[in-house]
mmCIF file of all heavy atoms, coordinates in Angstrom:
data_MODEL
# 
_entry.id   MODEL 
# 
loop_
_atom_site.group_PDB 
_atom_site.id 
_atom_site.type_symbol 
_atom_site.label_atom_id 
_atom_site.label_alt_id 
_atom_site.label_comp_id 
_atom_site.label_asym_id 
_atom_site.label_entity_id 
_atom_site.label_seq_id 
_atom_site.pdbx_PDB_ins_code 
_atom_site.Cartn_x 
_atom_site.Cartn_y 
_atom_site.Cartn_z 
_atom_site.occupancy 
_atom_site.B_iso_or_equiv 
_atom_site.pdbx_formal_charge 
_atom_site.auth_seq_id 
_atom_site.auth_comp_id 
_atom_site.auth_asym_id 
_atom_site.auth_atom_id 
_atom_site.pdbx_PDB_model_num 
ATOM 1   N N   . ASN A 1 1  ? 2.604   9.328  -22.944 1.00 0.00 ? 1  ASN A N   1 
ATOM 2   C CA  . ASN A 1 1  ? 1.265   9.799  -22.855 1.00 0.00 ? 1  ASN A CA  1 
ATOM 3   C C   . ASN A 1 1  ? 0.461   8.967  -21.906 1.00 0.00 ? 1  ASN A C   1 
ATOM 4   O O   . ASN A 1 1  ? -0.823  9.064  -21.891 1.00 0.00 ? 1  ASN A O   1 
ATOM 5   C CB  . ASN A 1 1  ? 0.523   9.771  -24.207 1.00 0.00 ? 1  ASN A CB  1 
ATOM 6   C CG  . ASN A 1 1  ? 1.093   10.923 -25.121 1.00 0.00 ? 1  ASN A CG  1 
ATOM 7   O OD1 . ASN A 1 1  ? 1.640   11.895 -24.682 1.00 0.00 ? 1  ASN A OD1 1 
ATOM 8   N ND2 . ASN A 1 1  ? 1.025   10.659 -26.461 1.00 0.00 ? 1  ASN A ND2 1 
ATOM 9   N N   . ALA A 1 2  ? 1.110   8.094  -21.081 1.00 0.00 ? 2  ALA A N   1 
ATOM 10  C CA  . ALA A 1 2  ? 0.306   7.354  -20.111 1.00 0.00 ? 2  ALA A CA  1 
ATOM 11  C C   . ALA A 1 2  ? -0.049  8.339  -18.929 1.00 0.00 ? 2  ALA A C   1 
ATOM 12  O O   . ALA A 1 2  ? 0.697   9.254  -18.591 1.00 0.00 ? 2  ALA A O   1 
ATOM 13  C CB  . ALA A 1 2  ? 1.135   6.221  -19.533 1.00 0.00 ? 2  ALA A CB  1 
ATOM 14  N N   . ILE A 1 3  ? -1.240  8.112  -18.317 1.00 0.00 ? 3  ILE A N   1 
ATOM 15  C CA  . ILE A 1 3  ? -1.750  9.063  -17.351 1.00 0.00 ? 3  ILE A CA  1 
ATOM 16  C C   . ILE A 1 3  ? -1.697  8.478  -15.936 1.00 0.00 ? 3  ILE A C   1 
ATOM 17  O O   . ILE A 1 3  ? -2.106  7.330  -15.743 1.00 0.00 ? 3  ILE A O   1 
ATOM 18  C CB  . ILE A 1 3  ? -3.198  9.459  -17.698 1.00 0.00 ? 3  ILE A CB  1 
ATOM 19  C CG1 . ILE A 1 3  ? -3.291  9.965  -19.176 1.00 0.00 ? 3  ILE A CG1 1 
ATOM 20  C CG2 . ILE A 1 3  ? -3.750  10.445 -16.750 1.00 0.00 ? 3  ILE A CG2 1 
ATOM 21  C CD1 . ILE A 1 3  ? -2.462  11.197 -19.417 1.00 0.00 ? 3  ILE A CD1 1 
ATOM 22  N N   . SER A 1 4  ? -1.319  9.271  -14.985 1.00 0.00 ? 4  SER A N   1 
ATOM 23  C CA  . SER A 1 4  ? -1.421  8.901  -13.545 1.00 0.00 ? 4  SER A CA  1 
ATOM 24  C C   . SER A 1 4  ? -2.163  10.044 -12.906 1.00 0.00 ? 4  SER A C   1 
ATOM 25  O O   . SER A 1 4  ? -1.957  11.213 -13.156 1.00 0.00 ? 4  SER A O   1 
ATOM 26  C CB  . SER A 1 4  ? -0.006  8.748  -12.914 1.00 0.00 ? 4  SER A CB  1 
ATOM 27  O OG  . SER A 1 4  ? 0.744   7.801  -13.542 1.00 0.00 ? 4  SER A OG  1 
ATOM 28  N N   . SER A 1 5  ? -3.091  9.638  -11.978 1.00 0.00 ? 5  SER A N   1 
ATOM 29  C CA  . SER A 1 5  ? -3.939  10.657 -11.302 1.00 0.00 ? 5  SER A CA  1 
ATOM 30  C C   . SER A 1 5  ? -3.880  10.525 -9.793  1.00 0.00 ? 5  SER A C   1 
ATOM 31  O O   . SER A 1 5  ? -3.797  9.377  -9.307  1.00 0.00 ? 5  SER A O   1 
ATOM 32  C CB  . SER A 1 5  ? -5.408  10.581 -11.841 1.00 0.00 ? 5  SER A CB  1 
ATOM 33  O OG  . SER A 1 5  ? -5.946  9.291  -11.472 1.00 0.00 ? 5  SER A OG  1 
ATOM 34  N N   . TYR A 1 6  ? -3.997  11.620 -9.098  1.00 0.00 ? 6  TYR A N   1 
ATOM 35  C CA  . TYR A 1 6  ? -3.956  11.612 -7.651  1.00 0.00 ? 6  TYR A CA  1 
ATOM 36  C C   . TYR A 1 6  ? -5.001  12.662 -7.175  1.00 0.00 ? 6  TYR A C   1 
ATOM 37  O O   . TYR A 1 6  ? -5.153  13.678 -7.734  1.00 0.00 ? 6  TYR A O   1 
ATOM 38  C CB  . TYR A 1 6  ? -2.543  12.030 -7.158  1.00 0.00 ? 6  TYR A CB  1 
ATOM 39  C CG  . TYR A 1 6  ? -1.446  11.325 -7.864  1.00 0.00 ? 6  TYR A CG  1 
ATOM 40  C CD1 . TYR A 1 6  ? -0.873  11.907 -9.035  1.00 0.00 ? 6  TYR A CD1 1 
ATOM 41  C CD2 . TYR A 1 6  ? -0.983  10.101 -7.420  1.00 0.00 ? 6  TYR A CD2 1 
ATOM 42  C CE1 . TYR A 1 6  ? 0.102   11.144 -9.719  1.00 0.00 ? 6  TYR A CE1 1 
ATOM 43  C CE2 . TYR A 1 6  ? 0.059   9.445  -8.096  1.00 0.00 ? 6  TYR A CE2 1 
ATOM 44  C CZ  . TYR A 1 6  ? 0.582   9.983  -9.269  1.00 0.00 ? 6  TYR A CZ  1 
ATOM 45  O OH  . TYR A 1 6  ? 1.572   9.294  -9.940  1.00 0.00 ? 6  TYR A OH  1 
ATOM 46  N N   . GLN A 1 7  ? -5.672  12.269 -6.050  1.00 0.00 ? 7  GLN A N   1 
ATOM 47  C CA  . GLN A 1 7  ? -6.621  13.131 -5.488  1.00 0.00 ? 7  GLN A CA  1 
ATOM 48  C C   . GLN A 1 7  ? -6.346  13.418 -4.022  1.00 0.00 ? 7  GLN A C   1 
ATOM 49  O O   . GLN A 1 7  ? -6.165  12.444 -3.252  1.00 0.00 ? 7  GLN A O   1 
ATOM 50  C CB  . GLN A 1 7  ? -8.069  12.488 -5.557  1.00 0.00 ? 7  GLN A CB  1 
ATOM 51  C CG  . GLN A 1 7  ? -8.539  12.294 -7.004  1.00 0.00 ? 7  GLN A CG  1 
ATOM 52  C CD  . GLN A 1 7  ? -8.070  10.945 -7.550  1.00 0.00 ? 7  GLN A CD  1 
ATOM 53  O OE1 . GLN A 1 7  ? -7.949  9.977  -6.852  1.00 0.00 ? 7  GLN A OE1 1 
ATOM 54  N NE2 . GLN A 1 7  ? -7.670  10.974 -8.818  1.00 0.00 ? 7  GLN A NE2 1 
ATOM 55  N N   . ILE A 1 8  ? -6.205  14.653 -3.665  1.00 0.00 ? 8  ILE A N   1 
ATOM 56  C CA  . ILE A 1 8  ? -5.932  15.058 -2.289  1.00 0.00 ? 8  ILE A CA  1 
ATOM 57  C C   . ILE A 1 8  ? -7.193  15.601 -1.645  1.00 0.00 ? 8  ILE A C   1 
ATOM 58  O O   . ILE A 1 8  ? -7.690  16.657 -2.062  1.00 0.00 ? 8  ILE A O   1 
ATOM 59  C CB  . ILE A 1 8  ? -4.813  16.138 -2.229  1.00 0.00 ? 8  ILE A CB  1 
ATOM 60  C CG1 . ILE A 1 8  ? -3.503  15.509 -2.780  1.00 0.00 ? 8  ILE A CG1 1 
ATOM 61  C CG2 . ILE A 1 8  ? -4.574  16.534 -0.737  1.00 0.00 ? 8  ILE A CG2 1 
ATOM 62  C CD1 . ILE A 1 8  ? -2.387  16.511 -2.792  1.00 0.00 ? 8  ILE A CD1 1 
ATOM 63  N N   . GLN A 1 9  ? -7.775  14.821 -0.762  1.00 0.00 ? 9  GLN A N   1 
ATOM 64  C CA  . GLN A 1 9  ? -8.958  15.344 -0.037  1.00 0.00 ? 9  GLN A CA  1 
ATOM 65  C C   . GLN A 1 9  ? -8.574  16.480 0.964   1.00 0.00 ? 9  GLN A C   1 
ATOM 66  O O   . GLN A 1 9  ? -9.280  17.463 1.041   1.00 0.00 ? 9  GLN A O   1 
ATOM 67  C CB  . GLN A 1 9  ? -9.700  14.222 0.757   1.00 0.00 ? 9  GLN A CB  1 
ATOM 68  C CG  . GLN A 1 9  ? -10.485 13.278 -0.087  1.00 0.00 ? 9  GLN A CG  1 
ATOM 69  C CD  . GLN A 1 9  ? -9.641  12.301 -0.920  1.00 0.00 ? 9  GLN A CD  1 
ATOM 70  O OE1 . GLN A 1 9  ? -8.591  11.803 -0.396  1.00 0.00 ? 9  GLN A OE1 1 
ATOM 71  N NE2 . GLN A 1 9  ? -10.011 11.906 -2.082  1.00 0.00 ? 9  GLN A NE2 1 
ATOM 72  N N   . ARG A 1 10 ? -7.454  16.232 1.620   1.00 0.00 ? 10 ARG A N   1 
ATOM 73  C CA  . ARG A 1 10 ? -7.021  17.305 2.623   1.00 0.00 ? 10 ARG A CA  1 
ATOM 74  C C   . ARG A 1 10 ? -5.549  17.123 2.850   1.00 0.00 ? 10 ARG A C   1 
ATOM 75  O O   . ARG A 1 10 ? -4.989  16.103 3.045   1.00 0.00 ? 10 ARG A O   1 
ATOM 76  C CB  . ARG A 1 10 ? -7.783  17.166 3.901   1.00 0.00 ? 10 ARG A CB  1 
ATOM 77  C CG  . ARG A 1 10 ? -7.424  18.150 4.968   1.00 0.00 ? 10 ARG A CG  1 
ATOM 78  C CD  . ARG A 1 10 ? -8.072  17.877 6.284   1.00 0.00 ? 10 ARG A CD  1 
ATOM 79  N NE  . ARG A 1 10 ? -7.515  18.751 7.384   1.00 0.00 ? 10 ARG A NE  1 
ATOM 80  C CZ  . ARG A 1 10 ? -7.657  18.434 8.636   1.00 0.00 ? 10 ARG A CZ  1 
ATOM 81  N NH1 . ARG A 1 10 ? -8.395  17.396 9.043   1.00 0.00 ? 10 ARG A NH1 1 
ATOM 82  N NH2 . ARG A 1 10 ? -7.136  19.240 9.544   1.00 0.00 ? 10 ARG A NH2 1 
ATOM 83  N N   . LEU A 1 11 ? -4.844  18.311 2.807   1.00 0.00 ? 11 LEU A N   1 
ATOM 84  C CA  . LEU A 1 11 ? -3.438  18.389 3.304   1.00 0.00 ? 11 LEU A CA  1 
ATOM 85  C C   . LEU A 1 11 ? -3.340  19.580 4.272   1.00 0.00 ? 11 LEU A C   1 
ATOM 86  O O   . LEU A 1 11 ? -3.774  20.649 3.920   1.00 0.00 ? 11 LEU A O   1 
ATOM 87  C CB  . LEU A 1 11 ? -2.536  18.616 2.046   1.00 0.00 ? 11 LEU A CB  1 
ATOM 88  C CG  . LEU A 1 11 ? -1.088  18.981 2.408   1.00 0.00 ? 11 LEU A CG  1 
ATOM 89  C CD1 . LEU A 1 11 ? -0.418  17.878 3.158   1.00 0.00 ? 11 LEU A CD1 1 
ATOM 90  C CD2 . LEU A 1 11 ? -0.311  19.277 1.148   1.00 0.00 ? 11 LEU A CD2 1 
ATOM 91  N N   . SER A 1 12 ? -2.769  19.385 5.413   1.00 0.00 ? 12 SER A N   1 
ATOM 92  C CA  . SER A 1 12 ? -2.648  20.413 6.434   1.00 0.00 ? 12 SER A CA  1 
ATOM 93  C C   . SER A 1 12 ? -1.271  20.381 6.992   1.00 0.00 ? 12 SER A C   1 
ATOM 94  O O   . SER A 1 12 ? -0.764  19.331 7.412   1.00 0.00 ? 12 SER A O   1 
ATOM 95  C CB  . SER A 1 12 ? -3.690  20.216 7.509   1.00 0.00 ? 12 SER A CB  1 
ATOM 96  O OG  . SER A 1 12 ? -3.416  21.155 8.549   1.00 0.00 ? 12 SER A OG  1 
ATOM 97  N N   . LEU A 1 13 ? -0.530  21.531 6.954   1.00 0.00 ? 13 LEU A N   1 
ATOM 98  C CA  . LEU A 1 13 ? 0.767   21.764 7.565   1.00 0.00 ? 13 LEU A CA  1 
ATOM 99  C C   . LEU A 1 13 ? 0.611   22.940 8.465   1.00 0.00 ? 13 LEU A C   1 
ATOM 100 O O   . LEU A 1 13 ? 0.402   24.069 8.004   1.00 0.00 ? 13 LEU A O   1 
ATOM 101 C CB  . LEU A 1 13 ? 1.853   21.998 6.503   1.00 0.00 ? 13 LEU A CB  1 
ATOM 102 C CG  . LEU A 1 13 ? 2.016   20.953 5.410   1.00 0.00 ? 13 LEU A CG  1 
ATOM 103 C CD1 . LEU A 1 13 ? 2.987   21.394 4.333   1.00 0.00 ? 13 LEU A CD1 1 
ATOM 104 C CD2 . LEU A 1 13 ? 2.459   19.605 6.055   1.00 0.00 ? 13 LEU A CD2 1 
ATOM 105 N N   . ALA A 1 14 ? 0.711   22.734 9.783   1.00 0.00 ? 14 ALA A N   1 
ATOM 106 C CA  . ALA A 1 14 ? 0.538   23.796 10.749  1.00 0.00 ? 14 ALA A CA  1 
ATOM 107 C C   . ALA A 1 14 ? 1.716   23.907 11.621  1.00 0.00 ? 14 ALA A C   1 
ATOM 108 O O   . ALA A 1 14 ? 2.060   22.974 12.397  1.00 0.00 ? 14 ALA A O   1 
ATOM 109 C CB  . ALA A 1 14 ? -0.723  23.528 11.547  1.00 0.00 ? 14 ALA A CB  1 
ATOM 110 N N   . ASP A 1 15 ? 2.412   25.059 11.560  1.00 0.00 ? 15 ASP A N   1 
ATOM 111 C CA  . ASP A 1 15 ? 3.594   25.292 12.420  1.00 0.00 ? 15 ASP A CA  1 
ATOM 112 C C   . ASP A 1 15 ? 3.162   25.724 13.849  1.00 0.00 ? 15 ASP A C   1 
ATOM 113 O O   . ASP A 1 15 ? 2.158   26.464 14.001  1.00 0.00 ? 15 ASP A O   1 
ATOM 114 C CB  . ASP A 1 15 ? 4.443   26.472 11.832  1.00 0.00 ? 15 ASP A CB  1 
ATOM 115 C CG  . ASP A 1 15 ? 5.526   25.914 10.893  1.00 0.00 ? 15 ASP A CG  1 
ATOM 116 O OD1 . ASP A 1 15 ? 5.449   24.751 10.498  1.00 0.00 ? 15 ASP A OD1 1 
ATOM 117 O OD2 . ASP A 1 15 ? 6.446   26.711 10.581  1.00 0.00 ? 15 ASP A OD2 1 
ATOM 118 N N   . SER A 1 16 ? 3.843   25.168 14.809  1.00 0.00 ? 16 SER A N   1 
ATOM 119 C CA  . SER A 1 16 ? 3.630   25.540 16.187  1.00 0.00 ? 16 SER A CA  1 
ATOM 120 C C   . SER A 1 16 ? 4.973   25.495 16.892  1.00 0.00 ? 16 SER A C   1 
ATOM 121 O O   . SER A 1 16 ? 5.465   24.453 17.290  1.00 0.00 ? 16 SER A O   1 
ATOM 122 C CB  . SER A 1 16 ? 2.629   24.605 16.879  1.00 0.00 ? 16 SER A CB  1 
ATOM 123 O OG  . SER A 1 16 ? 2.425   24.924 18.248  1.00 0.00 ? 16 SER A OG  1 
ATOM 124 N N   . GLY A 1 17 ? 5.596   26.674 17.033  1.00 0.00 ? 17 GLY A N   1 
ATOM 125 C CA  . GLY A 1 17 ? 6.884   26.749 17.624  1.00 0.00 ? 17 GLY A CA  1 
ATOM 126 C C   . GLY A 1 17 ? 7.902   26.141 16.669  1.00 0.00 ? 17 GLY A C   1 
ATOM 127 O O   . GLY A 1 17 ? 8.006   26.563 15.536  1.00 0.00 ? 17 GLY A O   1 
ATOM 128 N N   . ASP A 1 18 ? 8.616   25.146 17.179  1.00 0.00 ? 18 ASP A N   1 
ATOM 129 C CA  . ASP A 1 18 ? 9.628   24.568 16.341  1.00 0.00 ? 18 ASP A CA  1 
ATOM 130 C C   . ASP A 1 18 ? 9.149   23.195 15.695  1.00 0.00 ? 18 ASP A C   1 
ATOM 131 O O   . ASP A 1 18 ? 9.932   22.417 15.190  1.00 0.00 ? 18 ASP A O   1 
ATOM 132 C CB  . ASP A 1 18 ? 10.905  24.208 17.113  1.00 0.00 ? 18 ASP A CB  1 
ATOM 133 C CG  . ASP A 1 18 ? 10.617  23.284 18.246  1.00 0.00 ? 18 ASP A CG  1 
ATOM 134 O OD1 . ASP A 1 18 ? 9.450   23.062 18.639  1.00 0.00 ? 18 ASP A OD1 1 
ATOM 135 O OD2 . ASP A 1 18 ? 11.602  22.848 18.915  1.00 0.00 ? 18 ASP A OD2 1 
ATOM 136 N N   . LYS A 1 19 ? 7.815   22.976 15.737  1.00 0.00 ? 19 LYS A N   1 
ATOM 137 C CA  . LYS A 1 19 ? 7.207   21.777 15.144  1.00 0.00 ? 19 LYS A CA  1 
ATOM 138 C C   . LYS A 1 19 ? 6.179   22.109 14.051  1.00 0.00 ? 19 LYS A C   1 
ATOM 139 O O   . LYS A 1 19 ? 5.557   23.172 14.126  1.00 0.00 ? 19 LYS A O   1 
ATOM 140 C CB  . LYS A 1 19 ? 6.582   20.896 16.215  1.00 0.00 ? 19 LYS A CB  1 
ATOM 141 C CG  . LYS A 1 19 ? 7.542   20.444 17.338  1.00 0.00 ? 19 LYS A CG  1 
ATOM 142 C CD  . LYS A 1 19 ? 8.451   19.390 16.846  1.00 0.00 ? 19 LYS A CD  1 
ATOM 143 C CE  . LYS A 1 19 ? 9.334   18.831 17.978  1.00 0.00 ? 19 LYS A CE  1 
ATOM 144 N NZ  . LYS A 1 19 ? 10.287  17.794 17.484  1.00 0.00 ? 19 LYS A NZ  1 
ATOM 145 N N   . THR A 1 20 ? 5.979   21.155 13.186  1.00 0.00 ? 20 THR A N   1 
ATOM 146 C CA  . THR A 1 20 ? 4.846   21.251 12.176  1.00 0.00 ? 20 THR A CA  1 
ATOM 147 C C   . THR A 1 20 ? 4.001   19.991 12.327  1.00 0.00 ? 20 THR A C   1 
ATOM 148 O O   . THR A 1 20 ? 4.553   18.865 12.216  1.00 0.00 ? 20 THR A O   1 
ATOM 149 C CB  . THR A 1 20 ? 5.369   21.424 10.796  1.00 0.00 ? 20 THR A CB  1 
ATOM 150 O OG1 . THR A 1 20 ? 6.087   22.631 10.602  1.00 0.00 ? 20 THR A OG1 1 
ATOM 151 C CG2 . THR A 1 20 ? 4.287   21.376 9.784   1.00 0.00 ? 20 THR A CG2 1 
ATOM 152 N N   . THR A 1 21 ? 2.740   20.228 12.465  1.00 0.00 ? 21 THR A N   1 
ATOM 153 C CA  . THR A 1 21 ? 1.809   19.112 12.506  1.00 0.00 ? 21 THR A CA  1 
ATOM 154 C C   . THR A 1 21 ? 1.376   18.810 11.063  1.00 0.00 ? 21 THR A C   1 
ATOM 155 O O   . THR A 1 21 ? 0.969   19.691 10.313  1.00 0.00 ? 21 THR A O   1 
ATOM 156 C CB  . THR A 1 21 ? 0.527   19.409 13.391  1.00 0.00 ? 21 THR A CB  1 
ATOM 157 O OG1 . THR A 1 21 ? 1.005   19.729 14.695  1.00 0.00 ? 21 THR A OG1 1 
ATOM 158 C CG2 . THR A 1 21 ? -0.415  18.276 13.388  1.00 0.00 ? 21 THR A CG2 1 
ATOM 159 N N   . VAL A 1 22 ? 1.523   17.520 10.685  1.00 0.00 ? 22 VAL A N   1 
ATOM 160 C CA  . VAL A 1 22 ? 1.262   17.139 9.307   1.00 0.00 ? 22 VAL A CA  1 
ATOM 161 C C   . VAL A 1 22 ? 0.060   16.202 9.254   1.00 0.00 ? 22 VAL A C   1 
ATOM 162 O O   . VAL A 1 22 ? -0.023  15.279 10.035  1.00 0.00 ? 22 VAL A O   1 
ATOM 163 C CB  . VAL A 1 22 ? 2.509   16.383 8.700   1.00 0.00 ? 22 VAL A CB  1 
ATOM 164 C CG1 . VAL A 1 22 ? 2.220   15.963 7.305   1.00 0.00 ? 22 VAL A CG1 1 
ATOM 165 C CG2 . VAL A 1 22 ? 3.737   17.280 8.793   1.00 0.00 ? 22 VAL A CG2 1 
ATOM 166 N N   . TYR A 1 23 ? -0.804  16.467 8.242   1.00 0.00 ? 23 TYR A N   1 
ATOM 167 C CA  . TYR A 1 23 ? -1.958  15.557 8.017   1.00 0.00 ? 23 TYR A CA  1 
ATOM 168 C C   . TYR A 1 23 ? -2.193  15.548 6.485   1.00 0.00 ? 23 TYR A C   1 
ATOM 169 O O   . TYR A 1 23 ? -2.363  16.604 5.863   1.00 0.00 ? 23 TYR A O   1 
ATOM 170 C CB  . TYR A 1 23 ? -3.174  15.944 8.754   1.00 0.00 ? 23 TYR A CB  1 
ATOM 171 C CG  . TYR A 1 23 ? -4.330  14.946 8.468   1.00 0.00 ? 23 TYR A CG  1 
ATOM 172 C CD1 . TYR A 1 23 ? -4.402  13.701 9.054   1.00 0.00 ? 23 TYR A CD1 1 
ATOM 173 C CD2 . TYR A 1 23 ? -5.273  15.278 7.529   1.00 0.00 ? 23 TYR A CD2 1 
ATOM 174 C CE1 . TYR A 1 23 ? -5.409  12.872 8.772   1.00 0.00 ? 23 TYR A CE1 1 
ATOM 175 C CE2 . TYR A 1 23 ? -6.370  14.398 7.270   1.00 0.00 ? 23 TYR A CE2 1 
ATOM 176 C CZ  . TYR A 1 23 ? -6.339  13.173 7.879   1.00 0.00 ? 23 TYR A CZ  1 
ATOM 177 O OH  . TYR A 1 23 ? -7.381  12.240 7.619   1.00 0.00 ? 23 TYR A OH  1 
ATOM 178 N N   . LEU A 1 24 ? -2.225  14.349 5.907   1.00 0.00 ? 24 LEU A N   1 
ATOM 179 C CA  . LEU A 1 24 ? -2.515  14.183 4.505   1.00 0.00 ? 24 LEU A CA  1 
ATOM 180 C C   . LEU A 1 24 ? -3.484  13.073 4.321   1.00 0.00 ? 24 LEU A C   1 
ATOM 181 O O   . LEU A 1 24 ? -3.334  11.943 4.823   1.00 0.00 ? 24 LEU A O   1 
ATOM 182 C CB  . LEU A 1 24 ? -1.237  13.914 3.740   1.00 0.00 ? 24 LEU A CB  1 
ATOM 183 C CG  . LEU A 1 24 ? -1.397  13.497 2.266   1.00 0.00 ? 24 LEU A CG  1 
ATOM 184 C CD1 . LEU A 1 24 ? -1.994  14.625 1.443   1.00 0.00 ? 24 LEU A CD1 1 
ATOM 185 C CD2 . LEU A 1 24 ? -0.030  13.045 1.686   1.00 0.00 ? 24 LEU A CD2 1 
ATOM 186 N N   . ASN A 1 25 ? -4.632  13.274 3.557   1.00 0.00 ? 25 ASN A N   1 
ATOM 187 C CA  . ASN A 1 25 ? -5.570  12.241 3.213   1.00 0.00 ? 25 ASN A CA  1 
ATOM 188 C C   . ASN A 1 25 ? -5.758  12.307 1.692   1.00 0.00 ? 25 ASN A C   1 
ATOM 189 O O   . ASN A 1 25 ? -6.208  13.341 1.151   1.00 0.00 ? 25 ASN A O   1 
ATOM 190 C CB  . ASN A 1 25 ? -6.867  12.531 3.944   1.00 0.00 ? 25 ASN A CB  1 
ATOM 191 C CG  . ASN A 1 25 ? -7.920  11.385 3.723   1.00 0.00 ? 25 ASN A CG  1 
ATOM 192 O OD1 . ASN A 1 25 ? -7.644  10.478 2.878   1.00 0.00 ? 25 ASN A OD1 1 
ATOM 193 N ND2 . ASN A 1 25 ? -9.008  11.456 4.399   1.00 0.00 ? 25 ASN A ND2 1 
ATOM 194 N N   . MET A 1 26 ? -5.322  11.269 0.975   1.00 0.00 ? 26 MET A N   1 
ATOM 195 C CA  . MET A 1 26 ? -5.457  11.323 -0.476  1.00 0.00 ? 26 MET A CA  1 
ATOM 196 C C   . MET A 1 26 ? -5.639  9.933  -1.060  1.00 0.00 ? 26 MET A C   1 
ATOM 197 O O   . MET A 1 26 ? -5.592  8.875  -0.300  1.00 0.00 ? 26 MET A O   1 
ATOM 198 C CB  . MET A 1 26 ? -4.130  11.864 -1.009  1.00 0.00 ? 26 MET A CB  1 
ATOM 199 C CG  . MET A 1 26 ? -2.865  11.011 -0.844  1.00 0.00 ? 26 MET A CG  1 
ATOM 200 S SD  . MET A 1 26 ? -1.399  11.652 -1.626  1.00 0.00 ? 26 MET A SD  1 
ATOM 201 C CE  . MET A 1 26 ? -1.837  11.523 -3.327  1.00 0.00 ? 26 MET A CE  1 
ATOM 202 N N   . ARG A 1 27 ? -5.819  9.899  -2.332  1.00 0.00 ? 27 ARG A N   1 
ATOM 203 C CA  . ARG A 1 27 ? -5.897  8.650  -3.096  1.00 0.00 ? 27 ARG A CA  1 
ATOM 204 C C   . ARG A 1 27 ? -4.845  8.662  -4.119  1.00 0.00 ? 27 ARG A C   1 
ATOM 205 O O   . ARG A 1 27 ? -4.699  9.588  -4.934  1.00 0.00 ? 27 ARG A O   1 
ATOM 206 C CB  . ARG A 1 27 ? -7.328  8.440  -3.686  1.00 0.00 ? 27 ARG A CB  1 
ATOM 207 C CG  . ARG A 1 27 ? -8.393  8.374  -2.677  1.00 0.00 ? 27 ARG A CG  1 
ATOM 208 C CD  . ARG A 1 27 ? -9.703  7.855  -3.237  1.00 0.00 ? 27 ARG A CD  1 
ATOM 209 N NE  . ARG A 1 27 ? -9.558  6.442  -3.682  1.00 0.00 ? 27 ARG A NE  1 
ATOM 210 C CZ  . ARG A 1 27 ? -9.750  5.395  -2.845  1.00 0.00 ? 27 ARG A CZ  1 
ATOM 211 N NH1 . ARG A 1 27 ? -10.036 5.630  -1.583  1.00 0.00 ? 27 ARG A NH1 1 
ATOM 212 N NH2 . ARG A 1 27 ? -9.655  4.198  -3.281  1.00 0.00 ? 27 ARG A NH2 1 
ATOM 213 N N   . LEU A 1 28 ? -4.052  7.570  -4.159  1.00 0.00 ? 28 LEU A N   1 
ATOM 214 C CA  . LEU A 1 28 ? -2.947  7.368  -5.129  1.00 0.00 ? 28 LEU A CA  1 
ATOM 215 C C   . LEU A 1 28 ? -3.335  6.233  -6.021  1.00 0.00 ? 28 LEU A C   1 
ATOM 216 O O   . LEU A 1 28 ? -3.246  5.091  -5.584  1.00 0.00 ? 28 LEU A O   1 
ATOM 217 C CB  . LEU A 1 28 ? -1.615  7.108  -4.346  1.00 0.00 ? 28 LEU A CB  1 
ATOM 218 C CG  . LEU A 1 28 ? -0.436  6.719  -5.090  1.00 0.00 ? 28 LEU A CG  1 
ATOM 219 C CD1 . LEU A 1 28 ? 0.059   7.879  -5.923  1.00 0.00 ? 28 LEU A CD1 1 
ATOM 220 C CD2 . LEU A 1 28 ? 0.715   6.196  -4.197  1.00 0.00 ? 28 LEU A CD2 1 
# 
């Protein structure tokens, strides 16, 4: 019953051709 919390302000995965641009901003 121990609690862990995570907040994701923004997650972006954008495909362009054979690549994906990744951006993640969060609090762990």
